[in-house]
Amino acid sequence: MLNKLRELFKESFFYGIGNFLTKASGLYLLPLYSTYLSKEEIGLMGLYETAFFFLMAIAAWGTKSGFTRWYNEMKTRQDRQSLFFTTYAFNVVSNTIGVVLTALILFNLNVFETEGSERIIPYFCLAGLFRLLYDVPFIMLRVQQKAFKQTSYQTLSIAFTILFTFYQLEVENNGFEGIYIGQLMANGLTFLVTLPLIIKSCHFRFKSKLLGEMIRYGYPLAISNVLLHVLAISDRYILEAYYSLADVGSYSVATKVTNLLQFLVMGTFITSYTYQYYKSLNEEDNSRYHIKIFSYFMLFMVLAGIAITYFAKEIIFIIMAGKVEYFDAIPVIPFLMVGLIFSGMQQVFKLPLTKAKLTRLISIVTIGAGALNVGLNFLVIPQFGKEGAAVTTAITQLTAALCFLYQSRKIEGTQYEWRKIALLLTLGIVFCGGFFLIPSFSIVVDILIKIGLLALFILCLFVFNFFEPIEKQRITEAWLKWNKPRAIIDNIKSLNKK
């Protein structure tokens, strides 16, 4: 089990670097956006983002999920290359059709009634198409557990995005339109860089029968992904309808701050753990390993969630170039954080269902959760605004997590360490709630209080016996191994060695 934990940590580390760089690029770009864009335009950008994620979820008809599920079942290298070619060729066609339909919808229904939308929409759609064209190669590298190589490509893509966005806003002074011109240039160049990898990974044999199986497996997941995005879309559109784009802008900022948890902890873990899980489908029972992994996952999510909530004010001040009008996003963040933690639990609980190919069941649960979220949004947002939207999201995510847990226990019956999970969630709520009752003093004093509270949270875990004796020993060994700057550099270098 220890070797698998080390491998999971290594893969998560490199994915974490990529995710950190992605978020770091946002830390650079958001001040740039806030300088050249109005609060309303930042809110509009959030709506364009949801439109792209909707396209990304549905255009491939679920074949990306099927590719992930079937890849390790291919017995030869040639079979895996044929699977990649089949998946990629279908995605090129389906994504192109999806982008064209998206453009027609945005033009003809005039969804975003803003000046210059007739120029922005083509750039937005073409940038989205190029982004989709290099998505499957990135997935292949993750399935192959080549985290370092995938992170290298991702880092290059981020560098292109920062460079061309800066050029469009700072040099060309193209404003809101320049964002999507820059994205088009960056995504197009990234696609050209990945083209040799794409060609090298193809065996030009189209497996139509297998494609049909992948679509039947993955399309319910695609529908569920669409409904997941409804969780993000409905609250923003209803906020815009009852309040203003400025409120959508604040809510979008709160979401970006909260998603630090997604980028730094949840996304990196789920990415590594999912592909490790699929790779070991035919191995003997590893229930002890999965139980401990879930406890560690929850520990890091809750700890990071508390830290992000504590320092939300400082994060917003930095990423929004000191504009204090965005501080109204701070009360929203704790509720969004709770919802994101429940969302992370869902990702783990769904894995046994995907293993058993019960993707229709996943779709049914997610559709129900999406309907619940929309209904609650219409009831709550008109009266409670942004905070109400965040609370309904948390309620919906909890409901879906409980449903997936109930169904997954029928398949695997894994008994997680619920006492420890309850301890983490209870302490998390107490420490977050208590923090907002503490008055503000000065920047230095406030930061010291926050650091002290985080240290006290960790101390409480030891006091209430969250860690077993062997885990305390491993923590001590890890501290001795990583606590010196030179040791950190050497240990990071060793991670990329087999």
Protein backbone atom coordinates (compact mmCIF):
# COMPACT_ATOMS: atom_id res chain seq x y z
CA MET A 1 0.00 0.00 0.00
CA LEU A 2 2.89 2.35 0.78
CA ASN A 3 4.24 2.10 -2.78
CA LYS A 4 0.83 2.96 -4.22
CA LEU A 5 0.58 5.94 -1.89
CA ARG A 6 3.98 7.17 -3.03
CA GLU A 7 3.00 6.77 -6.68
CA LEU A 8 -0.25 8.62 -6.06
CA PHE A 9 1.62 11.41 -4.31
CA LYS A 10 4.15 11.68 -7.14
CA GLU A 11 1.48 11.91 -9.84
CA SER A 12 -0.56 14.36 -7.74
CA PHE A 13 2.53 16.50 -7.23
CA PHE A 14 3.10 17.02 -10.95
CA TYR A 15 -0.58 17.55 -11.67
CA GLY A 16 -0.54 19.98 -8.77
CA ILE A 17 2.25 21.96 -10.46
CA GLY A 18 0.17 22.22 -13.63
CA ASN A 19 -2.92 23.23 -11.72
CA PHE A 20 -0.94 25.72 -9.65
CA LEU A 21 0.47 27.31 -12.79
CA THR A 22 -3.02 27.47 -14.24
CA LYS A 23 -4.27 29.27 -11.16
CA ALA A 24 -1.12 31.41 -11.02
CA SER A 25 -1.83 32.54 -14.57
CA GLY A 26 -5.25 33.58 -13.32
CA LEU A 27 -3.60 35.53 -10.51
CA TYR A 28 -1.72 37.44 -13.19
CA LEU A 29 -4.57 37.79 -15.68
CA LEU A 30 -7.29 38.87 -13.24
CA PRO A 31 -5.52 42.12 -12.28
CA LEU A 32 -5.03 42.69 -16.01
CA TYR A 33 -8.73 42.04 -16.60
CA SER A 34 -9.76 44.33 -13.76
CA THR A 35 -7.61 47.10 -15.25
CA TYR A 36 -9.08 46.94 -18.75
CA LEU A 37 -12.56 45.52 -18.11
CA SER A 38 -15.54 46.76 -16.14
CA LYS A 39 -17.15 44.70 -13.38
CA GLU A 40 -20.01 43.97 -15.80
CA GLU A 41 -17.60 42.68 -18.46
CA ILE A 42 -15.95 40.37 -15.90
CA GLY A 43 -19.43 39.03 -15.13
CA LEU A 44 -20.04 38.58 -18.88
CA MET A 45 -16.75 36.71 -19.18
CA GLY A 46 -18.04 34.32 -16.52
CA LEU A 47 -21.11 33.64 -18.69
CA TYR A 48 -18.90 32.94 -21.72
CA GLU A 49 -16.89 30.51 -19.59
CA THR A 50 -20.01 28.58 -18.66
CA ALA A 51 -20.99 28.42 -22.34
CA PHE A 52 -17.60 26.88 -23.20
CA PHE A 53 -17.77 24.32 -20.39
CA PHE A 54 -21.24 23.36 -21.59
CA LEU A 55 -19.81 22.81 -25.09
CA MET A 56 -16.85 20.87 -23.70
CA ALA A 57 -19.10 18.55 -21.72
CA ILE A 58 -21.53 17.61 -24.47
CA ALA A 59 -19.72 17.90 -27.83
CA ALA A 60 -17.68 14.69 -27.48
CA TRP A 61 -20.78 12.57 -26.69
CA GLY A 62 -19.00 11.02 -23.71
CA THR A 63 -16.24 9.38 -25.75
CA LYS A 64 -13.54 10.92 -23.55
CA SER A 65 -14.94 9.06 -20.53
CA GLY A 66 -15.12 5.90 -22.62
CA PHE A 67 -11.52 6.36 -23.76
CA THR A 68 -10.42 6.66 -20.11
CA ARG A 69 -12.41 3.57 -19.12
CA TRP A 70 -11.27 1.33 -22.03
CA TYR A 71 -7.63 2.40 -22.52
CA ASN A 72 -6.06 0.03 -19.97
CA GLU A 73 -8.19 -2.86 -21.24
CA MET A 74 -6.46 -2.69 -24.64
CA LYS A 75 -3.94 -5.55 -24.72
CA THR A 76 -1.45 -4.24 -27.29
CA ARG A 77 0.14 -0.90 -28.13
CA GLN A 78 -1.47 -1.02 -31.58
CA ASP A 79 -4.92 -1.51 -30.04
CA ARG A 80 -4.38 1.49 -27.77
CA GLN A 81 -3.29 3.61 -30.73
CA SER A 82 -6.39 2.50 -32.67
CA LEU A 83 -8.53 3.46 -29.69
CA PHE A 84 -6.87 6.88 -29.60
CA PHE A 85 -7.36 7.40 -33.35
CA THR A 86 -11.01 6.37 -33.16
CA THR A 87 -11.65 8.67 -30.21
CA TYR A 88 -9.73 11.60 -31.67
CA ALA A 89 -11.26 11.37 -35.16
CA PHE A 90 -14.77 11.28 -33.70
CA ASN A 91 -13.95 14.23 -31.43
CA VAL A 92 -12.69 16.33 -34.33
CA VAL A 93 -16.00 15.88 -36.16
CA SER A 94 -18.31 16.16 -33.14
CA ASN A 95 -16.47 19.14 -31.66
CA THR A 96 -16.58 20.99 -34.98
CA ILE A 97 -20.32 20.42 -35.23
CA GLY A 98 -20.74 21.47 -31.59
CA VAL A 99 -18.81 24.71 -32.12
CA VAL A 100 -20.83 25.59 -35.23
CA LEU A 101 -24.12 24.97 -33.40
CA THR A 102 -22.90 27.04 -30.44
CA ALA A 103 -22.05 29.93 -32.76
CA LEU A 104 -25.48 29.74 -34.40
CA ILE A 105 -27.23 29.72 -31.02
CA LEU A 106 -25.24 32.67 -29.71
CA PHE A 107 -25.82 34.67 -32.91
CA ASN A 108 -29.47 33.89 -33.58
CA LEU A 109 -30.79 33.92 -30.01
CA ASN A 110 -28.56 36.89 -29.10
CA VAL A 111 -27.92 35.26 -25.72
CA PHE A 112 -25.35 37.85 -24.70
CA GLU A 113 -26.87 41.16 -25.71
CA THR A 114 -23.73 43.28 -25.66
CA GLU A 115 -22.02 45.65 -28.05
CA GLY A 116 -19.53 43.93 -30.34
CA SER A 117 -20.82 40.39 -29.68
CA GLU A 118 -20.93 39.73 -33.44
CA ARG A 119 -17.11 40.10 -33.46
CA ILE A 120 -16.44 38.35 -30.13
CA ILE A 121 -18.48 35.18 -30.78
CA PRO A 122 -16.35 33.94 -33.75
CA TYR A 123 -13.13 34.40 -31.75
CA PHE A 124 -14.71 32.70 -28.74
CA CYS A 125 -15.90 29.71 -30.79
CA LEU A 126 -12.66 29.22 -32.73
CA ALA A 127 -10.60 29.48 -29.54
CA GLY A 128 -12.87 26.87 -27.98
CA LEU A 129 -12.47 24.54 -30.98
CA PHE A 130 -8.67 24.59 -30.81
CA ARG A 131 -8.87 24.02 -27.05
CA LEU A 132 -11.02 20.94 -27.64
CA LEU A 133 -8.66 19.61 -30.32
CA TYR A 134 -5.81 19.10 -27.87
CA ASP A 135 -7.95 17.85 -24.99
CA VAL A 136 -7.87 14.14 -25.95
CA PRO A 137 -4.03 14.01 -26.16
CA PHE A 138 -3.87 15.54 -22.67
CA ILE A 139 -6.30 12.88 -21.42
CA MET A 140 -4.17 10.15 -23.02
CA LEU A 141 -1.05 11.36 -21.17
CA ARG A 142 -2.98 11.32 -17.89
CA VAL A 143 -4.28 7.80 -18.55
CA GLN A 144 -0.71 6.71 -19.28
CA GLN A 145 0.22 8.37 -15.95
CA LYS A 146 2.79 10.57 -17.70
CA ALA A 147 2.11 13.43 -15.34
CA PHE A 148 5.40 15.24 -15.96
CA LYS A 149 4.95 15.26 -19.74
CA GLN A 150 1.30 16.35 -19.54
CA THR A 151 2.22 19.11 -17.10
CA SER A 152 4.94 20.31 -19.51
CA TYR A 153 2.42 20.70 -22.33
CA GLN A 154 -0.03 22.37 -19.96
CA THR A 155 2.64 24.81 -18.77
CA LEU A 156 3.42 25.75 -22.36
CA SER A 157 -0.27 26.36 -23.05
CA ILE A 158 -0.53 28.60 -19.97
CA ALA A 159 2.54 30.59 -21.06
CA PHE A 160 0.99 31.16 -24.51
CA THR A 161 -2.28 32.31 -22.93
CA ILE A 162 -0.57 34.82 -20.64
CA LEU A 163 1.66 36.13 -23.42
CA PHE A 164 -1.05 36.64 -26.03
CA THR A 165 -3.60 38.01 -23.56
CA PHE A 166 -1.08 40.56 -22.30
CA TYR A 167 -0.26 41.52 -25.88
CA GLN A 168 -3.91 41.98 -26.84
CA LEU A 169 -4.83 44.02 -23.77
CA GLU A 170 -1.66 45.96 -23.05
CA VAL A 171 -0.18 46.47 -26.54
CA GLU A 172 -3.11 46.23 -28.96
CA ASN A 173 -5.59 47.68 -26.43
CA ASN A 174 -8.38 45.45 -27.80
CA GLY A 175 -10.35 45.31 -24.54
CA PHE A 176 -12.91 42.54 -24.01
CA GLU A 177 -12.54 41.36 -27.61
CA GLY A 178 -8.79 40.98 -27.11
CA ILE A 179 -9.29 38.28 -24.45
CA TYR A 180 -10.73 35.88 -27.01
CA ILE A 181 -8.31 36.90 -29.76
CA GLY A 182 -5.51 36.05 -27.32
CA GLN A 183 -7.14 32.74 -26.43
CA LEU A 184 -7.50 31.88 -30.13
CA MET A 185 -3.81 32.55 -30.74
CA ALA A 186 -2.71 30.61 -27.63
CA ASN A 187 -4.95 27.58 -28.20
CA GLY A 188 -4.09 27.45 -31.92
CA LEU A 189 -0.37 27.44 -31.18
CA THR A 190 -0.79 24.81 -28.43
CA PHE A 191 -2.63 22.59 -30.91
CA LEU A 192 0.27 22.89 -33.38
CA VAL A 193 2.75 21.95 -30.63
CA THR A 194 0.74 18.82 -29.72
CA LEU A 195 0.22 17.79 -33.35
CA PRO A 196 3.36 15.56 -33.52
CA LEU A 197 2.18 13.76 -30.36
CA ILE A 198 -1.26 13.27 -31.92
CA ILE A 199 0.16 11.80 -35.16
CA LYS A 200 2.61 9.57 -33.26
CA SER A 201 -0.18 8.18 -31.07
CA CYS A 202 -2.43 7.13 -33.96
CA HIS A 203 -2.83 3.77 -35.64
CA PHE A 204 -5.14 4.61 -38.53
CA ARG A 205 -7.75 1.98 -37.90
CA PHE A 206 -11.26 3.14 -37.01
CA LYS A 207 -13.03 0.88 -34.48
CA SER A 208 -16.67 1.72 -35.09
CA LYS A 209 -18.05 -1.05 -32.87
CA LEU A 210 -15.91 0.03 -29.93
CA LEU A 211 -16.90 3.64 -30.59
CA GLY A 212 -20.53 2.64 -30.20
CA GLU A 213 -19.76 0.98 -26.86
CA MET A 214 -17.88 4.07 -25.66
CA ILE A 215 -20.76 6.34 -26.61
CA ARG A 216 -23.29 4.12 -24.83
CA TYR A 217 -21.04 4.14 -21.78
CA GLY A 218 -20.01 7.78 -21.85
CA TYR A 219 -23.04 9.66 -23.13
CA PRO A 220 -24.94 9.39 -19.83
CA LEU A 221 -21.82 10.82 -18.18
CA ALA A 222 -21.80 13.63 -20.73
CA ILE A 223 -25.39 14.42 -19.81
CA SER A 224 -24.48 14.38 -16.13
CA ASN A 225 -21.55 16.72 -16.85
CA VAL A 226 -23.94 19.10 -18.56
CA LEU A 227 -26.11 19.03 -15.47
CA LEU A 228 -23.07 19.66 -13.32
CA HIS A 229 -22.50 22.81 -15.32
CA VAL A 230 -26.14 23.72 -14.79
CA LEU A 231 -25.14 23.94 -11.13
CA ALA A 232 -22.73 26.70 -12.16
CA ILE A 233 -24.85 28.26 -14.90
CA SER A 234 -28.29 28.55 -13.31
CA ASP A 235 -27.24 30.59 -10.28
CA ARG A 236 -25.31 33.10 -12.40
CA TYR A 237 -28.10 33.59 -14.92
CA ILE A 238 -30.73 33.91 -12.18
CA LEU A 239 -28.49 36.35 -10.33
CA GLU A 240 -28.20 38.42 -13.50
CA ALA A 241 -31.98 38.31 -13.98
CA TYR A 242 -32.86 39.43 -10.43
CA TYR A 243 -29.85 41.62 -9.65
CA SER A 244 -27.11 42.73 -12.09
CA LEU A 245 -24.00 41.70 -13.99
CA ALA A 246 -22.01 43.36 -11.21
CA ASP A 247 -23.39 40.78 -8.77
CA VAL A 248 -22.51 38.03 -11.25
CA GLY A 249 -19.00 39.51 -11.35
CA SER A 250 -18.65 39.33 -7.56
CA TYR A 251 -20.05 35.81 -7.51
CA SER A 252 -17.60 34.81 -10.27
CA VAL A 253 -14.71 36.18 -8.22
CA ALA A 254 -15.91 34.19 -5.19
CA THR A 255 -16.05 31.09 -7.39
CA LYS A 256 -12.51 31.65 -8.69
CA VAL A 257 -11.17 31.99 -5.14
CA THR A 258 -13.05 28.88 -4.02
CA ASN A 259 -11.76 26.95 -7.01
CA LEU A 260 -8.25 27.26 -5.61
CA LEU A 261 -9.28 24.15 -3.69
CA GLN A 262 -10.25 22.48 -6.97
CA PHE A 263 -6.95 23.33 -8.63
CA LEU A 264 -4.55 22.70 -5.77
CA VAL A 265 -6.09 19.70 -3.98
CA MET A 266 -9.26 18.21 -5.38
CA GLY A 267 -8.40 18.21 -9.07
CA THR A 268 -4.87 16.90 -8.60
CA PHE A 269 -6.00 14.06 -6.34
CA ILE A 270 -9.02 13.04 -8.43
CA THR A 271 -6.95 13.04 -11.62
CA SER A 272 -4.25 10.78 -10.17
CA TYR A 273 -6.56 8.57 -8.15
CA THR A 274 -9.06 8.00 -10.98
CA TYR A 275 -6.46 6.73 -13.44
CA GLN A 276 -4.83 4.62 -10.73
CA TYR A 277 -8.27 3.24 -9.90
CA TYR A 278 -8.98 2.27 -13.52
CA LYS A 279 -5.51 0.78 -13.94
CA SER A 280 -6.11 -1.57 -10.98
CA LEU A 281 -9.62 -2.69 -11.97
CA ASN A 282 -8.62 -6.33 -12.18
CA GLU A 283 -6.40 -6.42 -9.09
CA GLU A 284 -7.39 -8.03 -5.80
CA ASP A 285 -9.38 -6.08 -3.24
CA ASN A 286 -7.58 -2.99 -1.96
CA SER A 287 -10.33 -1.73 0.32
CA ARG A 288 -7.93 -0.69 3.11
CA TYR A 289 -5.98 1.45 0.65
CA HIS A 290 -9.14 3.15 -0.70
CA ILE A 291 -10.44 3.79 2.83
CA LYS A 292 -7.23 5.53 3.91
CA ILE A 293 -6.96 7.48 0.67
CA PHE A 294 -10.45 8.90 1.18
CA SER A 295 -9.56 10.01 4.73
CA TYR A 296 -6.39 11.73 3.52
CA PHE A 297 -8.31 13.33 0.66
CA MET A 298 -10.87 14.76 3.06
CA LEU A 299 -8.11 15.96 5.40
CA PHE A 300 -6.34 17.94 2.68
CA MET A 301 -9.61 19.31 1.29
CA VAL A 302 -10.86 20.57 4.66
CA LEU A 303 -7.47 21.97 5.70
CA ALA A 304 -6.96 23.76 2.37
CA GLY A 305 -10.58 24.93 2.39
CA ILE A 306 -10.14 26.56 5.80
CA ALA A 307 -6.88 28.22 4.72
CA ILE A 308 -8.40 29.63 1.52
CA THR A 309 -11.42 30.92 3.45
CA TYR A 310 -9.19 32.60 6.03
CA PHE A 311 -7.07 34.36 3.42
CA ALA A 312 -9.90 35.13 0.97
CA LYS A 313 -9.64 38.87 1.58
CA GLU A 314 -5.94 38.94 0.79
CA ILE A 315 -6.41 36.72 -2.27
CA ILE A 316 -9.17 38.96 -3.68
CA PHE A 317 -7.10 42.08 -2.97
CA ILE A 318 -4.21 40.63 -4.99
CA ILE A 319 -6.07 39.12 -7.93
CA MET A 320 -8.40 42.11 -8.36
CA ALA A 321 -5.58 44.67 -8.24
CA GLY A 322 -6.63 46.14 -4.91
CA LYS A 323 -10.24 46.90 -5.88
CA VAL A 324 -12.13 46.68 -2.59
CA GLU A 325 -15.54 46.64 -4.29
CA TYR A 326 -15.02 42.90 -4.82
CA PHE A 327 -14.84 42.26 -1.06
CA ASP A 328 -18.59 41.62 -1.13
CA ALA A 329 -17.62 38.19 -2.49
CA ILE A 330 -16.02 37.15 0.83
CA PRO A 331 -19.23 36.04 2.68
CA VAL A 332 -20.08 33.77 -0.27
CA ILE A 333 -16.82 31.80 -0.19
CA PRO A 334 -17.40 29.58 2.92
CA PHE A 335 -20.70 28.27 1.50
CA LEU A 336 -19.14 27.64 -1.92
CA MET A 337 -16.25 25.88 -0.18
CA VAL A 338 -18.61 23.48 1.61
CA GLY A 339 -20.30 22.70 -1.69
CA LEU A 340 -16.96 22.03 -3.38
CA ILE A 341 -15.92 19.62 -0.62
CA PHE A 342 -19.16 17.69 -1.09
CA SER A 343 -18.47 17.70 -4.84
CA GLY A 344 -15.06 16.14 -4.19
CA MET A 345 -16.72 13.39 -2.16
CA GLN A 346 -19.03 12.72 -5.09
CA GLN A 347 -16.08 12.10 -7.42
CA VAL A 348 -14.84 9.29 -5.16
CA PHE A 349 -18.28 7.77 -4.60
CA LYS A 350 -18.96 7.65 -8.37
CA LEU A 351 -15.90 5.53 -9.21
CA PRO A 352 -17.48 2.16 -8.25
CA LEU A 353 -20.47 3.08 -10.44
CA THR A 354 -18.25 3.81 -13.44
CA LYS A 355 -16.36 0.58 -12.74
CA ALA A 356 -19.68 -1.31 -12.98
CA LYS A 357 -20.59 0.78 -16.09
CA LEU A 358 -23.69 2.17 -14.33
CA THR A 359 -23.35 5.50 -16.10
CA ARG A 360 -27.11 5.85 -16.60
CA LEU A 361 -27.57 5.76 -12.85
CA ILE A 362 -24.97 8.52 -12.48
CA SER A 363 -26.86 10.54 -15.07
CA ILE A 364 -30.20 10.08 -13.28
CA VAL A 365 -28.81 11.20 -9.92
CA THR A 366 -27.08 14.21 -11.47
CA ILE A 367 -30.15 15.24 -13.44
CA GLY A 368 -32.17 15.10 -10.23
CA ALA A 369 -29.53 17.18 -8.44
CA GLY A 370 -29.52 19.72 -11.26
CA ALA A 371 -33.31 20.05 -11.15
CA LEU A 372 -33.16 20.49 -7.37
CA ASN A 373 -30.51 23.19 -7.71
CA VAL A 374 -32.45 25.17 -10.31
CA GLY A 375 -35.63 24.97 -8.22
CA LEU A 376 -33.84 26.09 -5.06
CA ASN A 377 -32.15 28.92 -6.96
CA PHE A 378 -35.48 30.35 -8.08
CA LEU A 379 -36.77 30.15 -4.51
CA VAL A 380 -33.72 31.47 -2.67
CA ILE A 381 -31.77 33.84 -4.95
CA PRO A 382 -34.49 36.53 -5.28
CA GLN A 383 -34.43 37.02 -1.51
CA PHE A 384 -30.87 36.17 -0.46
CA GLY A 385 -28.81 36.96 -3.59
CA LYS A 386 -25.25 35.64 -3.89
CA GLU A 387 -25.22 34.01 -0.47
CA GLY A 388 -28.44 32.17 -1.27
CA ALA A 389 -26.96 30.89 -4.54
CA ALA A 390 -23.94 29.50 -2.68
CA VAL A 391 -26.10 27.79 -0.03
CA THR A 392 -28.32 26.08 -2.62
CA THR A 393 -25.20 24.79 -4.38
CA ALA A 394 -23.91 23.29 -1.12
CA ILE A 395 -27.30 21.64 -0.40
CA THR A 396 -27.46 20.18 -3.90
CA GLN A 397 -23.90 18.84 -3.79
CA LEU A 398 -24.56 17.19 -0.40
CA THR A 399 -27.75 15.57 -1.71
CA ALA A 400 -25.96 14.17 -4.77
CA ALA A 401 -23.03 12.93 -2.64
CA LEU A 402 -25.39 11.00 -0.34
CA CYS A 403 -27.16 9.42 -3.32
CA PHE A 404 -23.87 8.31 -4.89
CA LEU A 405 -22.65 6.96 -1.54
CA TYR A 406 -25.83 4.91 -1.13
CA GLN A 407 -25.51 3.40 -4.61
CA SER A 408 -21.75 2.76 -4.41
CA ARG A 409 -22.11 0.88 -1.11
CA LYS A 410 -24.39 -1.59 -2.91
CA ILE A 411 -21.50 -2.40 -5.24
CA GLU A 412 -18.40 -2.34 -3.05
CA GLY A 413 -19.69 -1.82 0.48
CA THR A 414 -16.60 0.16 1.45
CA GLN A 415 -16.79 1.32 5.07
CA TYR A 416 -14.97 4.61 5.22
CA GLU A 417 -13.64 6.09 8.46
CA TRP A 418 -16.81 8.04 9.16
CA ARG A 419 -15.83 9.07 12.67
CA LYS A 420 -12.76 10.80 11.29
CA ILE A 421 -14.71 12.33 8.39
CA ALA A 422 -17.33 13.69 10.83
CA LEU A 423 -14.53 15.08 13.02
CA LEU A 424 -12.97 16.87 10.04
CA LEU A 425 -16.25 18.41 8.89
CA THR A 426 -17.27 19.45 12.41
CA LEU A 427 -13.91 21.07 13.16
CA GLY A 428 -13.96 22.75 9.75
CA ILE A 429 -17.36 24.33 10.40
CA VAL A 430 -16.36 25.41 13.93
CA PHE A 431 -13.07 26.97 12.84
CA CYS A 432 -14.60 28.78 9.85
CA GLY A 433 -17.63 29.99 11.79
CA GLY A 434 -15.54 31.08 14.74
CA PHE A 435 -13.11 32.97 12.50
CA PHE A 436 -15.83 35.27 11.17
CA LEU A 437 -16.75 36.21 14.74
CA ILE A 438 -13.22 37.53 15.43
CA PRO A 439 -12.91 41.30 14.83
CA SER A 440 -10.26 42.62 12.45
CA PHE A 441 -7.24 44.39 13.94
CA SER A 442 -4.39 45.03 11.51
CA ILE A 443 -2.91 43.17 8.54
CA VAL A 444 -0.04 41.68 10.56
CA VAL A 445 -2.19 40.73 13.56
CA ASP A 446 -4.91 39.28 11.34
CA ILE A 447 -2.40 37.09 9.47
CA LEU A 448 -0.88 35.87 12.75
CA ILE A 449 -4.36 34.97 14.03
CA LYS A 450 -5.10 33.03 10.85
CA ILE A 451 -1.84 31.09 11.02
CA GLY A 452 -2.46 30.38 14.70
CA LEU A 453 -5.96 29.06 14.00
CA LEU A 454 -4.65 26.75 11.26
CA ALA A 455 -2.02 25.41 13.66
CA LEU A 456 -4.70 24.92 16.32
CA PHE A 457 -6.86 23.01 13.83
CA ILE A 458 -4.00 20.59 13.14
CA LEU A 459 -3.34 20.24 16.87
CA CYS A 460 -7.01 19.34 17.42
CA LEU A 461 -6.63 16.50 14.93
CA PHE A 462 -3.85 15.02 17.05
CA VAL A 463 -5.77 15.59 20.29
CA PHE A 464 -8.89 13.85 18.94
CA ASN A 465 -6.82 10.92 17.55
CA PHE A 466 -7.44 11.50 13.87
CA PHE A 467 -4.03 9.98 13.11
CA GLU A 468 -3.04 6.41 13.96
CA PRO A 469 0.38 5.75 15.60
CA ILE A 470 1.92 4.55 12.30
CA GLU A 471 0.61 7.68 10.55
CA LYS A 472 2.17 9.92 13.22
CA GLN A 473 5.45 8.10 12.62
CA ARG A 474 5.19 8.66 8.85
CA ILE A 475 4.40 12.34 9.39
CA THR A 476 7.53 12.69 11.53
CA GLU A 477 9.64 10.92 8.88
CA ALA A 478 8.20 13.13 6.14
CA TRP A 479 8.96 16.26 8.15
CA LEU A 480 12.56 15.17 8.67
CA LYS A 481 12.87 14.44 4.95
CA TRP A 482 11.35 17.68 3.63
CA ASN A 483 12.03 20.34 6.27
CA LYS A 484 15.25 21.75 4.75
CA PRO A 485 15.38 23.84 1.51
CA ARG A 486 18.11 21.70 -0.04
CA ALA A 487 16.23 18.51 0.86
CA ILE A 488 13.09 19.86 -0.80
CA ILE A 489 14.93 20.43 -4.10
CA ASP A 490 16.53 16.96 -4.04
CA ASN A 491 13.25 15.25 -3.15
CA ILE A 492 11.38 17.04 -5.95
CA LYS A 493 14.02 15.92 -8.46
CA SER A 494 13.66 12.33 -7.25
CA LEU A 495 9.90 12.35 -7.92
CA ASN A 496 10.40 12.17 -11.68
CA LYS A 497 12.66 9.12 -11.40
CA LYS A 498 11.20 5.65 -11.83
